[in-house]
Structure formats: structure tokens, C-alpha cells
Amino acid sequence: MSEKKYTWHKIADHINELDFAGNNIAVAEIKGKKISIGKYKEEVFAFAYKCPHAGGILADGYIDALGNIVCPLHRYKYDMKNGRNTSGEGYYMKHWPVEIREEGVFVAMETGGLFGWFS
């Protein structure tokens, strides 16, 4: 089995450039596709723009006290660290590694992955 390969994409020069509004969730774009960026305590997470259940815009939701992203449509909850559905419905939310470096904020996408549109 081949090892996954990732490409790092810069989404901002500094974390303060991202508009986290009042709910600690921002929207960024990588190659024309929107993703969500969540901030919880001292950590930053990158995850799907739309809920895998019914397509709710996750940036319009909120982050609960446990650090889960909560979809605004049906209140399904997902762990921002691993994409696991924590409210029991069995869905999985796509998520990606984030690094904050001196030169900016970067998100890693799998090269040539299943969705191809990030390659």
C-alpha cells in the first residue's frame, strides 16, 4: 500500500487574517473550493465546508463546549480533530491537518486524493 502524499496550501499570512466572526469559525478557499477553519481554545482545525448529512454550511454553525462543530441545520455534531460524528448518526466529516508557521497558516490536502479537485 502506498503512503499518502500531502501538499500544503497557504490560506493566510497570519491567523488574524481569517474572519472567525463571533462563532470561531472562518471560511477559506483552496484552489477555488471552500473549507471551514475552526478555532477552539489554542488549536486550529480545517474541515468540510458543508455537513456530510444534509449539506448545511458548517461555518454558520457553532463550536460547542467540548470542541465539536455543530451543524446549523439538524444539530449533528462532529469532532474537528478526527471528523467523527459525535451525536450518533454515523456520518464522517472530511478534515485536514493545519500548521501555523512563521510564514503563514497552511492546510495539508492529500495529493491526487479521492476528490481530485485538490490535486
N, C-alpha and C. Protein backbone atom coordinates (compact mmCIF):
# COMPACT_ATOMS: atom_id res chain seq x y z
N MET A 1 0.85 -1.18 0.00
CA MET A 1 0.00 0.00 0.00
C MET A 1 0.89 1.23 0.00
N SER A 2 0.59 2.18 -0.86
CA SER A 2 1.44 3.37 -0.95
C SER A 2 1.12 4.36 0.16
N GLU A 3 2.14 5.09 0.55
CA GLU A 3 1.99 6.10 1.58
C GLU A 3 1.27 7.31 0.99
N LYS A 4 0.38 7.93 1.77
CA LYS A 4 -0.34 9.11 1.29
C LYS A 4 0.64 10.27 1.15
N LYS A 5 0.42 11.07 0.13
CA LYS A 5 1.24 12.24 -0.09
C LYS A 5 0.37 13.48 0.08
N TYR A 6 0.93 14.48 0.73
CA TYR A 6 0.18 15.70 1.01
C TYR A 6 0.86 16.91 0.40
N THR A 7 0.06 17.88 0.04
CA THR A 7 0.54 19.18 -0.41
C THR A 7 0.01 20.21 0.56
N TRP A 8 0.89 21.08 1.03
CA TRP A 8 0.49 22.13 1.97
C TRP A 8 0.10 23.38 1.19
N HIS A 9 -1.06 23.93 1.54
CA HIS A 9 -1.59 25.12 0.87
C HIS A 9 -1.69 26.26 1.88
N LYS A 10 -1.15 27.40 1.51
CA LYS A 10 -1.22 28.57 2.39
C LYS A 10 -2.59 29.22 2.26
N ILE A 11 -3.26 29.41 3.40
CA ILE A 11 -4.59 30.03 3.36
C ILE A 11 -4.59 31.45 3.91
N ALA A 12 -3.51 31.84 4.62
CA ALA A 12 -3.41 33.20 5.16
C ALA A 12 -1.97 33.47 5.57
N ASP A 13 -1.60 34.74 5.55
CA ASP A 13 -0.26 35.12 6.02
C ASP A 13 -0.16 35.03 7.54
N HIS A 14 -1.31 35.23 8.22
CA HIS A 14 -1.35 35.19 9.68
C HIS A 14 -2.75 34.75 10.11
N ILE A 15 -2.85 34.08 11.24
CA ILE A 15 -4.14 33.59 11.74
C ILE A 15 -5.15 34.73 11.90
N ASN A 16 -4.68 35.94 12.23
CA ASN A 16 -5.58 37.08 12.42
C ASN A 16 -6.23 37.55 11.13
N GLU A 17 -5.74 37.10 9.97
CA GLU A 17 -6.35 37.47 8.69
C GLU A 17 -7.64 36.71 8.43
N LEU A 18 -7.83 35.59 9.12
CA LEU A 18 -9.04 34.79 8.92
C LEU A 18 -10.18 35.41 9.73
N ASP A 19 -11.36 35.49 9.13
CA ASP A 19 -12.51 36.11 9.78
C ASP A 19 -13.29 35.05 10.57
N PHE A 20 -12.97 34.96 11.86
CA PHE A 20 -13.63 33.96 12.70
C PHE A 20 -14.97 34.43 13.24
N ALA A 21 -15.42 35.60 12.84
CA ALA A 21 -16.72 36.14 13.26
C ALA A 21 -16.92 35.95 14.76
N GLY A 22 -18.13 35.71 15.17
CA GLY A 22 -18.42 35.53 16.58
C GLY A 22 -18.46 34.08 17.02
N ASN A 23 -18.36 33.15 16.05
CA ASN A 23 -18.52 31.74 16.39
C ASN A 23 -17.23 30.93 16.28
N ASN A 24 -16.08 31.61 16.10
CA ASN A 24 -14.77 30.95 15.99
C ASN A 24 -14.67 30.01 14.78
N ILE A 25 -15.44 30.30 13.73
CA ILE A 25 -15.38 29.51 12.50
C ILE A 25 -15.19 30.47 11.33
N ALA A 26 -14.17 30.22 10.53
CA ALA A 26 -13.89 31.04 9.34
C ALA A 26 -14.04 30.17 8.10
N VAL A 27 -14.06 30.81 6.94
CA VAL A 27 -14.10 30.10 5.67
C VAL A 27 -12.84 30.48 4.89
N ALA A 28 -12.19 29.49 4.31
CA ALA A 28 -11.01 29.72 3.48
C ALA A 28 -11.23 29.02 2.15
N GLU A 29 -10.41 29.36 1.17
CA GLU A 29 -10.50 28.71 -0.13
C GLU A 29 -9.17 28.12 -0.52
N ILE A 30 -9.22 26.92 -1.07
CA ILE A 30 -8.04 26.26 -1.62
C ILE A 30 -8.40 25.82 -3.03
N LYS A 31 -7.71 26.36 -3.99
CA LYS A 31 -7.95 26.06 -5.41
C LYS A 31 -9.43 26.20 -5.77
N GLY A 32 -10.05 27.26 -5.27
CA GLY A 32 -11.44 27.56 -5.61
C GLY A 32 -12.49 26.79 -4.83
N LYS A 33 -12.07 25.94 -3.91
CA LYS A 33 -13.02 25.17 -3.10
C LYS A 33 -13.01 25.70 -1.67
N LYS A 34 -14.20 25.87 -1.10
CA LYS A 34 -14.32 26.39 0.26
C LYS A 34 -14.11 25.29 1.29
N ILE A 35 -13.42 25.66 2.38
CA ILE A 35 -13.29 24.79 3.55
C ILE A 35 -13.57 25.63 4.78
N SER A 36 -13.83 24.98 5.89
CA SER A 36 -14.06 25.68 7.16
C SER A 36 -12.81 25.59 8.01
N ILE A 37 -12.56 26.64 8.78
CA ILE A 37 -11.45 26.69 9.72
C ILE A 37 -12.06 27.00 11.08
N GLY A 38 -11.85 26.11 12.03
CA GLY A 38 -12.40 26.30 13.37
C GLY A 38 -11.29 26.55 14.38
N LYS A 39 -11.59 27.39 15.36
CA LYS A 39 -10.63 27.71 16.41
C LYS A 39 -11.28 27.35 17.74
N TYR A 40 -10.61 26.46 18.48
CA TYR A 40 -11.12 26.04 19.78
C TYR A 40 -9.96 26.03 20.77
N LYS A 41 -10.09 26.81 21.81
CA LYS A 41 -9.01 27.01 22.78
C LYS A 41 -7.78 27.50 22.02
N GLU A 42 -6.67 26.80 22.07
CA GLU A 42 -5.45 27.25 21.39
C GLU A 42 -5.20 26.49 20.08
N GLU A 43 -6.18 25.69 19.64
CA GLU A 43 -5.99 24.87 18.43
C GLU A 43 -6.80 25.39 17.25
N VAL A 44 -6.30 25.09 16.05
CA VAL A 44 -6.98 25.47 14.81
C VAL A 44 -7.19 24.20 13.99
N PHE A 45 -8.38 24.07 13.39
CA PHE A 45 -8.75 22.87 12.65
C PHE A 45 -9.29 23.25 11.27
N ALA A 46 -9.06 22.39 10.30
CA ALA A 46 -9.62 22.57 8.95
C ALA A 46 -10.56 21.40 8.69
N PHE A 47 -11.77 21.72 8.21
CA PHE A 47 -12.75 20.67 7.96
C PHE A 47 -13.71 21.10 6.85
N ALA A 48 -14.58 20.20 6.48
CA ALA A 48 -15.50 20.41 5.36
C ALA A 48 -16.30 21.70 5.50
N TYR A 49 -16.63 22.28 4.36
CA TYR A 49 -17.46 23.48 4.32
C TYR A 49 -18.93 23.12 4.57
N LYS A 50 -19.33 21.94 4.03
CA LYS A 50 -20.72 21.50 4.17
C LYS A 50 -20.81 20.24 5.02
N CYS A 51 -21.89 20.14 5.77
CA CYS A 51 -22.15 18.97 6.60
C CYS A 51 -22.38 17.76 5.68
N PRO A 52 -21.79 16.61 6.02
CA PRO A 52 -21.98 15.42 5.18
C PRO A 52 -23.40 14.86 5.23
N HIS A 53 -24.21 15.29 6.18
CA HIS A 53 -25.57 14.78 6.30
C HIS A 53 -26.51 15.43 5.28
N ALA A 54 -26.68 16.74 5.38
CA ALA A 54 -27.66 17.40 4.51
C ALA A 54 -27.12 18.68 3.87
N GLY A 55 -25.81 18.87 3.92
CA GLY A 55 -25.20 20.00 3.23
C GLY A 55 -25.29 21.34 3.93
N GLY A 56 -25.61 21.35 5.21
CA GLY A 56 -25.64 22.61 5.95
C GLY A 56 -24.26 23.25 5.95
N ILE A 57 -24.20 24.57 5.91
CA ILE A 57 -22.94 25.29 5.91
C ILE A 57 -22.38 25.30 7.32
N LEU A 58 -21.30 24.55 7.54
CA LEU A 58 -20.77 24.39 8.90
C LEU A 58 -20.27 25.70 9.50
N ALA A 59 -19.83 26.64 8.67
CA ALA A 59 -19.38 27.94 9.19
C ALA A 59 -20.54 28.74 9.79
N ASP A 60 -21.77 28.35 9.46
CA ASP A 60 -22.95 29.00 10.05
C ASP A 60 -23.38 28.34 11.35
N GLY A 61 -22.69 27.26 11.73
CA GLY A 61 -22.99 26.57 12.98
C GLY A 61 -22.22 27.17 14.13
N TYR A 62 -21.86 26.33 15.08
CA TYR A 62 -21.10 26.81 16.23
C TYR A 62 -20.24 25.68 16.78
N ILE A 63 -19.30 26.05 17.63
CA ILE A 63 -18.44 25.07 18.30
C ILE A 63 -18.95 24.94 19.73
N ASP A 64 -19.29 23.72 20.13
CA ASP A 64 -19.85 23.52 21.48
C ASP A 64 -18.75 23.51 22.55
N ALA A 65 -19.14 23.35 23.79
CA ALA A 65 -18.21 23.41 24.93
C ALA A 65 -17.16 22.30 24.90
N LEU A 66 -17.41 21.22 24.15
CA LEU A 66 -16.45 20.12 24.07
C LEU A 66 -15.54 20.23 22.84
N GLY A 67 -15.75 21.27 22.03
CA GLY A 67 -14.92 21.46 20.85
C GLY A 67 -15.44 20.78 19.60
N ASN A 68 -16.71 20.42 19.59
CA ASN A 68 -17.33 19.81 18.40
C ASN A 68 -17.95 20.90 17.54
N ILE A 69 -17.88 20.74 16.22
CA ILE A 69 -18.60 21.64 15.33
C ILE A 69 -20.03 21.14 15.27
N VAL A 70 -20.99 22.05 15.37
CA VAL A 70 -22.41 21.69 15.37
C VAL A 70 -23.04 22.29 14.12
N CYS A 71 -23.62 21.43 13.29
CA CYS A 71 -24.27 21.87 12.05
C CYS A 71 -25.51 22.71 12.37
N PRO A 72 -25.70 23.82 11.64
CA PRO A 72 -26.86 24.66 11.92
C PRO A 72 -28.20 24.06 11.49
N LEU A 73 -28.21 23.06 10.60
CA LEU A 73 -29.48 22.52 10.12
C LEU A 73 -30.14 21.55 11.09
N HIS A 74 -29.44 20.49 11.45
CA HIS A 74 -30.05 19.45 12.29
C HIS A 74 -29.29 19.20 13.58
N ARG A 75 -28.30 20.06 13.87
CA ARG A 75 -27.51 19.99 15.11
C ARG A 75 -26.65 18.73 15.22
N TYR A 76 -26.32 18.11 14.10
CA TYR A 76 -25.37 16.99 14.14
C TYR A 76 -24.02 17.55 14.56
N LYS A 77 -23.30 16.78 15.36
CA LYS A 77 -22.02 17.23 15.90
C LYS A 77 -20.87 16.37 15.37
N TYR A 78 -19.73 17.04 15.12
CA TYR A 78 -18.53 16.37 14.61
C TYR A 78 -17.31 16.83 15.38
N ASP A 79 -16.43 15.89 15.67
CA ASP A 79 -15.15 16.20 16.29
C ASP A 79 -14.26 16.85 15.24
N MET A 80 -13.79 18.07 15.48
CA MET A 80 -12.97 18.77 14.49
C MET A 80 -11.60 18.13 14.32
N LYS A 81 -11.14 17.36 15.32
CA LYS A 81 -9.82 16.71 15.24
C LYS A 81 -9.82 15.54 14.27
N ASN A 82 -10.88 14.72 14.30
CA ASN A 82 -10.87 13.48 13.52
C ASN A 82 -12.07 13.30 12.58
N GLY A 83 -13.00 14.24 12.57
CA GLY A 83 -14.15 14.16 11.68
C GLY A 83 -15.26 13.24 12.12
N ARG A 84 -15.07 12.58 13.25
CA ARG A 84 -16.05 11.61 13.75
C ARG A 84 -17.35 12.29 14.18
N ASN A 85 -18.46 11.71 13.81
CA ASN A 85 -19.78 12.19 14.21
C ASN A 85 -19.98 11.82 15.68
N THR A 86 -20.15 12.82 16.54
CA THR A 86 -20.24 12.56 17.98
C THR A 86 -21.66 12.55 18.51
N SER A 87 -22.65 12.85 17.65
CA SER A 87 -24.03 12.84 18.11
C SER A 87 -24.75 11.56 17.72
N GLY A 88 -24.01 10.58 17.14
CA GLY A 88 -24.55 9.24 16.96
C GLY A 88 -25.19 8.89 15.63
N GLU A 89 -25.15 9.77 14.65
CA GLU A 89 -25.82 9.47 13.38
C GLU A 89 -24.96 8.66 12.41
N GLY A 90 -23.66 8.54 12.67
CA GLY A 90 -22.80 7.69 11.85
C GLY A 90 -22.14 8.34 10.65
N TYR A 91 -22.22 9.65 10.54
CA TYR A 91 -21.58 10.35 9.42
C TYR A 91 -20.12 10.63 9.74
N TYR A 92 -19.37 11.00 8.71
CA TYR A 92 -17.96 11.34 8.87
C TYR A 92 -17.70 12.64 8.12
N MET A 93 -17.08 13.60 8.79
CA MET A 93 -16.78 14.90 8.21
C MET A 93 -15.32 14.92 7.75
N LYS A 94 -15.09 15.32 6.52
CA LYS A 94 -13.73 15.44 6.00
C LYS A 94 -12.98 16.51 6.80
N HIS A 95 -11.71 16.24 7.11
CA HIS A 95 -10.89 17.20 7.85
C HIS A 95 -9.45 17.09 7.38
N TRP A 96 -8.66 18.13 7.65
CA TRP A 96 -7.28 18.18 7.18
C TRP A 96 -6.36 18.76 8.25
N PRO A 97 -5.08 18.40 8.21
CA PRO A 97 -4.11 18.97 9.15
C PRO A 97 -3.89 20.46 8.89
N VAL A 98 -3.63 21.21 9.97
CA VAL A 98 -3.34 22.64 9.88
C VAL A 98 -2.02 22.89 10.59
N GLU A 99 -1.21 23.76 10.00
CA GLU A 99 0.02 24.20 10.65
C GLU A 99 0.08 25.72 10.61
N ILE A 100 0.42 26.30 11.76
CA ILE A 100 0.66 27.73 11.80
C ILE A 100 2.17 27.90 11.87
N ARG A 101 2.72 28.52 10.83
CA ARG A 101 4.16 28.70 10.71
C ARG A 101 4.47 30.20 10.69
N GLU A 102 5.75 30.52 10.77
CA GLU A 102 6.16 31.92 10.68
C GLU A 102 5.66 32.59 9.42
N GLU A 103 5.67 31.84 8.32
CA GLU A 103 5.29 32.42 7.03
C GLU A 103 3.79 32.35 6.74
N GLY A 104 2.99 31.79 7.65
CA GLY A 104 1.55 31.79 7.45
C GLY A 104 0.82 30.58 8.00
N VAL A 105 -0.44 30.46 7.61
CA VAL A 105 -1.32 29.37 8.03
C VAL A 105 -1.46 28.43 6.83
N PHE A 106 -1.20 27.14 7.06
CA PHE A 106 -1.20 26.15 5.98
C PHE A 106 -2.13 24.99 6.31
N VAL A 107 -2.78 24.47 5.26
CA VAL A 107 -3.64 23.29 5.37
C VAL A 107 -3.09 22.24 4.42
N ALA A 108 -3.00 20.99 4.88
CA ALA A 108 -2.49 19.89 4.06
C ALA A 108 -3.65 19.15 3.41
N MET A 109 -3.54 18.97 2.10
CA MET A 109 -4.53 18.20 1.35
C MET A 109 -3.83 17.02 0.71
N GLU A 110 -4.52 15.91 0.67
CA GLU A 110 -3.95 14.72 0.04
C GLU A 110 -3.78 14.97 -1.45
N THR A 111 -2.60 14.70 -1.97
CA THR A 111 -2.30 14.91 -3.38
C THR A 111 -2.95 13.81 -4.20
N GLY A 112 -3.72 14.20 -5.22
CA GLY A 112 -4.38 13.22 -6.08
C GLY A 112 -5.36 12.36 -5.34
N GLY A 113 -5.93 12.88 -4.29
CA GLY A 113 -6.84 12.12 -3.46
C GLY A 113 -8.15 11.77 -4.14
N LEU A 114 -9.02 11.20 -3.39
CA LEU A 114 -10.31 10.73 -3.86
C LEU A 114 -11.07 11.81 -4.61
N PHE A 115 -10.97 13.05 -4.14
CA PHE A 115 -11.76 14.11 -4.75
C PHE A 115 -11.02 14.80 -5.89
N GLY A 116 -9.73 14.50 -6.09
CA GLY A 116 -9.01 15.00 -7.23
C GLY A 116 -8.97 16.50 -7.39
N TRP A 117 -10.01 17.23 -6.94
CA TRP A 117 -10.05 18.66 -7.17
C TRP A 117 -9.05 19.42 -6.32
N PHE A 118 -8.38 18.77 -5.41
CA PHE A 118 -7.33 19.45 -4.64
C PHE A 118 -5.96 19.14 -5.20
N SER A 119 -5.85 18.26 -6.20
CA SER A 119 -4.53 17.92 -6.72
C SER A 119 -4.01 18.96 -7.68
